[in-house]
Amino acid sequence: LTVYQHTDGKPYLVKQQPAGAVTFTPLEVALNQLQPPQPQAQPIQRSQAGHDPFALLLTGIAVAGLAVIVVYFIGFLAGSHGRETVIVPRSPICSTHRSSFLFWSDETKECQ
């Protein structure tokens, strides 16, 4: 490929074919053929992608865990600025059951 300028000032693209023939194409036409076509503006389409159930489950678990941590932190702050809270375990409530038959007696103790 070479560029040839005619005496009238018009440039031509000179192309030699494998068979030996020579073609002269105006340079302006050759450049227009080489440029890729401009892409057409296409309207934006929204895709309706389905939600992944596993991702939704993980998001729910994360939100629930975060809510528990936030509530615990609020309770911690409220407790640290208020009165001290002491948890005193109460003594177990026990009930005794006695039964006897002739010479046999039995006693069971249930505690909660």
Protein backbone atom coordinates (compact mmCIF):
# COMPACT_ATOMS: atom_id res chain seq x y z
CA LEU A 1 0.00 0.00 0.00
CA THR A 2 1.23 3.44 -0.89
CA VAL A 3 -0.30 6.87 -1.19
CA TYR A 4 -0.10 8.66 -4.54
CA GLN A 5 -0.95 12.31 -5.05
CA HIS A 6 -2.29 13.23 -8.48
CA THR A 7 -1.20 16.46 -10.15
CA ASP A 8 -4.54 18.03 -9.26
CA GLY A 9 -3.67 17.53 -5.52
CA LYS A 10 -6.09 14.68 -4.82
CA PRO A 11 -4.47 11.80 -2.85
CA TYR A 12 -5.09 8.17 -3.83
CA LEU A 13 -4.40 4.91 -2.06
CA VAL A 14 -2.48 2.61 -4.40
CA LYS A 15 -2.99 -1.09 -3.75
CA GLN A 16 -1.27 -3.84 -5.73
CA GLN A 17 -3.28 -7.07 -6.00
CA PRO A 18 -1.59 -10.51 -5.87
CA ALA A 19 -2.42 -11.05 -9.56
CA GLY A 20 -0.40 -7.94 -10.43
CA ALA A 21 -3.29 -5.52 -10.99
CA VAL A 22 -3.03 -2.06 -9.41
CA THR A 23 -6.07 -0.23 -8.00
CA PHE A 24 -6.29 3.47 -7.24
CA THR A 25 -8.83 4.41 -4.53
CA PRO A 26 -9.38 8.00 -3.40
CA LEU A 27 -7.81 8.28 0.05
CA GLU A 28 -10.95 9.81 1.55
CA VAL A 29 -13.03 6.81 0.44
CA ALA A 30 -10.40 4.33 1.71
CA LEU A 31 -10.28 5.98 5.15
CA ASN A 32 -14.08 5.93 5.44
CA GLN A 33 -14.06 2.20 4.68
CA LEU A 34 -11.44 1.56 7.39
CA GLN A 35 -13.28 3.38 10.19
CA PRO A 36 -15.50 1.11 12.24
CA PRO A 37 -19.18 2.02 12.24
CA GLN A 38 -20.25 4.20 15.14
CA PRO A 39 -22.27 2.25 17.71
CA GLN A 40 -25.96 3.08 17.79
CA ALA A 41 -27.29 4.38 21.09
CA GLN A 42 -29.42 1.61 22.55
CA PRO A 43 -32.02 2.18 25.22
CA ILE A 44 -31.06 1.07 28.70
CA GLN A 45 -32.77 -2.15 29.65
CA ARG A 46 -33.31 -3.16 33.23
CA SER A 47 -32.63 -6.75 34.01
CA GLN A 48 -34.97 -8.44 36.42
CA ALA A 49 -32.45 -10.67 38.12
CA GLY A 50 -33.83 -13.11 40.65
CA HIS A 51 -32.63 -12.95 44.23
CA ASP A 52 -30.32 -15.68 45.42
CA PRO A 53 -32.04 -17.45 48.34
CA PHE A 54 -28.74 -18.37 50.00
CA ALA A 55 -27.51 -14.77 49.90
CA LEU A 56 -30.86 -13.63 51.29
CA LEU A 57 -30.54 -16.15 54.16
CA LEU A 58 -27.01 -15.01 54.97
CA THR A 59 -28.11 -11.39 54.91
CA GLY A 60 -30.96 -12.17 57.31
CA ILE A 61 -28.65 -13.98 59.71
CA ALA A 62 -26.17 -11.10 59.60
CA VAL A 63 -28.91 -8.53 60.29
CA ALA A 64 -30.29 -10.58 63.20
CA GLY A 65 -26.81 -10.98 64.69
CA LEU A 66 -26.11 -7.30 64.33
CA ALA A 67 -29.42 -6.48 66.04
CA VAL A 68 -28.51 -8.72 68.99
CA ILE A 69 -25.10 -7.07 69.32
CA VAL A 70 -26.61 -3.56 69.15
CA VAL A 71 -29.22 -4.37 71.81
CA TYR A 72 -26.57 -5.93 74.05
CA PHE A 73 -24.36 -2.86 73.64
CA ILE A 74 -27.26 -0.51 74.46
CA GLY A 75 -28.04 -2.57 77.55
CA PHE A 76 -24.38 -2.49 78.56
CA LEU A 77 -24.27 1.30 78.23
CA ALA A 78 -27.52 1.71 80.13
CA GLY A 79 -26.27 -0.56 82.91
CA SER A 80 -22.91 1.17 83.17
CA HIS A 81 -24.55 4.60 83.61
CA GLY A 82 -27.24 3.45 86.01
CA ARG A 83 -27.24 1.43 89.16
CA GLU A 84 -25.21 -1.71 89.45
CA THR A 85 -27.14 -4.83 88.74
CA VAL A 86 -26.27 -7.93 90.71
CA ILE A 87 -27.81 -11.26 89.89
CA VAL A 88 -28.28 -13.34 93.01
CA PRO A 89 -29.17 -16.96 92.47
CA ARG A 90 -32.08 -18.10 94.55
CA SER A 91 -32.03 -21.31 96.47
CA PRO A 92 -33.66 -24.23 94.72
CA ILE A 93 -37.23 -25.11 95.58
CA CYS A 94 -37.41 -28.71 96.64
CA SER A 95 -40.38 -30.89 97.43
CA THR A 96 -40.21 -34.18 99.26
CA HIS A 97 -42.51 -37.08 98.47
CA ARG A 98 -42.93 -39.86 101.02
CA SER A 99 -44.69 -43.10 100.45
CA SER A 100 -44.96 -46.26 102.53
CA PHE A 101 -46.53 -49.65 102.12
CA LEU A 102 -46.55 -52.06 105.04
CA PHE A 103 -42.91 -52.26 106.06
CA TRP A 104 -41.57 -50.44 102.99
CA SER A 105 -41.08 -46.68 102.94
CA ASP A 106 -39.73 -44.51 100.15
CA GLU A 107 -38.76 -40.86 100.07
CA THR A 108 -37.97 -38.85 96.90
CA LYS A 109 -36.81 -35.29 96.67
CA GLU A 110 -37.46 -33.13 93.56
CA CYS A 111 -35.68 -29.84 93.18
CA GLN A 112 -36.20 -27.12 90.58
